[in-house]
Amino acid sequence: MAGPLQQEMERLLESAFAPERLEVVNDSARHHGHAGDDGSGESHFSILIESARFAGKSRLERQRMVNRALGDIPGERVHAVAIRAVAPGE
């Protein structure tokens, strides 16, 4: 079951990108006891998002777009977010 931060990230990304594919994976258990583990169970995430809005954008531009859509979540409310943003067909 997705926690509240994961659900919020999914809603924000759905709204911003209307993705064909979206996977938000909670990796926090793999980082238990490491730096950034705040004990919340929602400290580390991986995102795979496929959207036509990424077509013609560089990897850095795509990362920035996703981070902007997530607002204060990366780096403030979540320790780490790994992002793989692709356009359809990539």
Protein backbone atom coordinates (compact mmCIF):
# COMPACT_ATOMS: atom_id res chain seq x y z
CA MET A 1 0.00 0.00 0.00
CA ALA A 2 1.37 3.39 -1.01
CA GLY A 3 2.03 5.86 1.78
CA PRO A 4 0.79 9.45 1.77
CA LEU A 5 3.94 10.95 0.19
CA GLN A 6 3.99 8.35 -2.57
CA GLN A 7 0.32 9.01 -3.29
CA GLU A 8 0.95 12.77 -3.36
CA MET A 9 3.85 12.33 -5.80
CA GLU A 10 1.70 10.15 -8.06
CA ARG A 11 -1.10 12.76 -8.08
CA LEU A 12 1.29 15.63 -8.82
CA LEU A 13 2.99 13.77 -11.67
CA GLU A 14 -0.31 12.59 -13.18
CA SER A 15 -1.59 16.16 -13.12
CA ALA A 16 1.57 17.74 -14.56
CA PHE A 17 2.41 15.20 -17.28
CA ALA A 18 -0.62 13.01 -18.11
CA PRO A 19 1.88 10.13 -18.40
CA GLU A 20 1.34 7.03 -20.49
CA ARG A 21 3.32 5.19 -17.83
CA LEU A 22 4.11 6.09 -14.24
CA GLU A 23 5.90 4.01 -11.63
CA VAL A 24 6.68 5.54 -8.25
CA VAL A 25 8.58 2.97 -6.20
CA ASN A 26 9.30 3.37 -2.50
CA ASP A 27 12.94 2.28 -2.04
CA SER A 28 13.13 3.36 1.61
CA ALA A 29 13.45 -0.15 3.05
CA ARG A 30 16.67 -0.63 1.06
CA HIS A 31 18.12 2.45 2.77
CA HIS A 32 17.10 1.66 6.35
CA GLY A 33 19.79 2.91 8.72
CA HIS A 34 21.61 4.87 6.00
CA ALA A 35 21.95 8.62 5.65
CA GLY A 36 18.62 10.27 5.02
CA ASP A 37 16.54 7.48 6.56
CA ASP A 38 14.21 9.44 8.80
CA GLY A 39 12.28 6.42 10.00
CA SER A 40 9.12 7.50 8.17
CA GLY A 41 9.31 4.67 5.65
CA GLU A 42 9.08 7.28 2.89
CA SER A 43 12.58 8.70 2.48
CA HIS A 44 13.83 7.26 -0.84
CA PHE A 45 11.92 6.84 -4.12
CA SER A 46 12.52 5.87 -7.74
CA ILE A 47 10.32 7.29 -10.48
CA LEU A 48 9.86 6.02 -14.03
CA ILE A 49 7.65 8.36 -16.02
CA GLU A 50 6.82 8.27 -19.73
CA SER A 51 5.14 11.33 -21.19
CA ALA A 52 4.89 13.06 -24.55
CA ARG A 53 5.78 16.27 -22.70
CA PHE A 54 9.39 15.06 -22.51
CA ALA A 55 9.80 14.81 -26.31
CA GLY A 56 12.66 16.98 -27.53
CA LYS A 57 13.90 17.70 -24.00
CA SER A 58 17.33 16.80 -22.64
CA ARG A 59 17.72 14.46 -19.67
CA LEU A 60 18.52 17.45 -17.45
CA GLU A 61 15.46 19.40 -18.64
CA ARG A 62 13.27 16.38 -17.94
CA GLN A 63 14.69 15.99 -14.42
CA ARG A 64 14.07 19.67 -13.74
CA MET A 65 10.49 19.39 -15.02
CA VAL A 66 9.78 16.46 -12.70
CA ASN A 67 11.42 18.18 -9.73
CA ARG A 68 9.38 21.35 -10.36
CA ALA A 69 6.17 19.30 -10.50
CA LEU A 70 7.06 17.67 -7.16
CA GLY A 71 7.58 21.05 -5.47
CA ASP A 72 9.11 20.80 -2.00
CA ILE A 73 9.08 17.00 -1.87
CA PRO A 74 12.59 16.27 -3.25
CA GLY A 75 15.30 17.29 -0.85
CA GLU A 76 12.97 18.68 1.81
CA ARG A 77 10.28 16.12 2.56
CA VAL A 78 12.03 13.16 0.91
CA HIS A 79 15.78 12.51 1.12
CA ALA A 80 16.30 11.08 -2.38
CA VAL A 81 14.36 10.72 -5.61
CA ALA A 82 15.86 8.89 -8.59
CA ILE A 83 14.13 9.98 -11.80
CA ARG A 84 13.98 8.29 -15.19
CA ALA A 85 11.87 10.45 -17.50
CA VAL A 86 11.32 9.28 -21.08
CA ALA A 87 9.24 10.24 -24.09
CA PRO A 88 7.05 7.60 -25.78
CA GLY A 89 9.05 5.17 -27.88
CA GLU A 90 12.31 5.69 -26.01
